[in-house]
Protein backbone atom coordinates (compact mmCIF):
# COMPACT_ATOMS: atom_id res chain seq x y z
CA UNK A 1 74.66 -8.45 -12.79
CA UNK A 2 72.07 -11.24 -13.30
CA UNK A 3 69.18 -10.89 -11.85
CA UNK A 4 66.11 -13.48 -11.51
CA UNK A 5 62.81 -12.52 -10.32
CA UNK A 6 59.74 -15.62 -9.81
CA UNK A 7 56.28 -14.25 -12.25
CA UNK A 8 53.37 -13.47 -10.21
CA UNK A 9 49.67 -14.37 -10.71
CA UNK A 10 47.03 -11.83 -9.13
CA UNK A 11 44.12 -13.50 -7.80
CA UNK A 12 42.21 -10.31 -6.22
CA UNK A 13 43.03 -7.15 -5.74
CA UNK A 14 45.83 -6.41 -8.04
CA UNK A 15 44.75 -2.41 -7.90
CA UNK A 16 43.56 -2.43 -4.54
CA UNK A 17 47.00 -2.67 -2.63
CA UNK A 18 47.39 1.35 -4.16
CA UNK A 19 45.28 1.85 -1.95
CA UNK A 20 46.00 0.06 1.34
CA UNK A 21 43.81 -2.56 0.85
CA UNK A 22 44.68 -6.43 0.46
CA UNK A 23 45.25 -7.89 -2.32
CA UNK A 24 45.59 -12.06 -2.94
CA UNK A 25 48.31 -13.09 -5.52
CA UNK A 26 50.93 -16.39 -5.73
CA UNK A 27 54.13 -16.81 -7.12
CA UNK A 28 54.85 -19.06 -10.34
CA UNK A 29 57.67 -21.34 -11.11
CA UNK A 30 58.08 -19.16 -14.34
CA UNK A 31 61.20 -16.58 -14.29
CA UNK A 32 61.62 -13.03 -15.23
CA UNK A 33 65.46 -12.39 -16.33
CA UNK A 34 67.48 -9.22 -16.56
CA UNK A 35 71.54 -8.46 -16.91
CA UNK A 36 72.64 -5.05 -16.37
CA UNK A 37 75.72 -4.12 -17.76
CA UNK A 38 77.71 -1.05 -17.06
CA UNK A 39 80.16 0.45 -19.90
CA UNK A 40 83.39 2.25 -20.11
CA UNK A 41 81.28 5.28 -21.68
CA UNK A 42 79.13 5.56 -19.04
CA UNK A 43 76.19 4.02 -19.52
CA UNK A 44 73.99 1.18 -18.51
CA UNK A 45 72.70 -1.40 -20.59
CA UNK A 46 69.77 -3.61 -19.44
CA UNK A 47 69.15 -7.08 -21.27
CA UNK A 48 65.51 -8.38 -21.12
CA UNK A 49 66.25 -12.00 -22.76
CA UNK A 50 62.97 -13.40 -22.24
CA UNK A 51 61.43 -11.19 -24.53
CA UNK A 52 63.89 -9.98 -26.51
CA UNK A 53 64.73 -6.69 -25.55
CA UNK A 54 66.95 -4.20 -24.59
CA UNK A 55 68.19 -0.74 -23.78
CA UNK A 56 70.84 1.54 -23.18
CA UNK A 57 71.05 4.59 -20.95
CA UNK A 58 73.64 7.00 -19.71
CA UNK A 59 74.09 7.94 -15.98
CA UNK A 60 72.83 10.93 -16.67
CA UNK A 61 69.59 10.31 -18.38
CA UNK A 62 69.20 7.87 -15.82
CA UNK A 63 69.79 10.06 -12.37
CA UNK A 64 67.58 12.60 -13.95
CA UNK A 65 64.37 10.31 -14.50
CA UNK A 66 65.40 8.61 -11.02
CA UNK A 67 65.13 12.35 -9.29
CA UNK A 68 61.44 12.57 -11.21
CA UNK A 69 60.26 9.42 -9.59
CA UNK A 70 61.28 10.23 -6.21
CA UNK A 71 60.20 13.99 -6.37
CA UNK A 72 56.47 12.29 -7.83
CA UNK A 73 56.83 9.82 -5.29
CA UNK A 74 57.18 12.17 -2.84
CA UNK A 75 54.24 14.56 -3.97
CA UNK A 76 52.25 11.78 -4.19
CA UNK A 77 52.48 10.56 -0.30
CA UNK A 78 52.22 13.96 0.91
CA UNK A 79 49.20 14.32 -1.24
CA UNK A 80 47.62 11.26 -0.11
CA UNK A 81 48.66 12.01 3.93
CA UNK A 82 46.52 15.33 3.08
CA UNK A 83 43.50 13.89 2.22
CA UNK A 84 43.56 11.65 5.36
């Protein structure tokens, strides 16, 4: 699968959105590209041709990382709600 997304210039408030504030951003006509491939060995390879980088990760490790991310995201949300 090939993925393409426009670049973004943050004019104001890049980190402010973390706190629910507004920011000003503009898309530019430069694109980031990535290719994702699922191999027969059960690993997933992500290639970033624009910066000549790539990484492979097996499905179990990817699922472990995703679980940790989702757990951290939920915990951060609960903590933020508790401070309101």
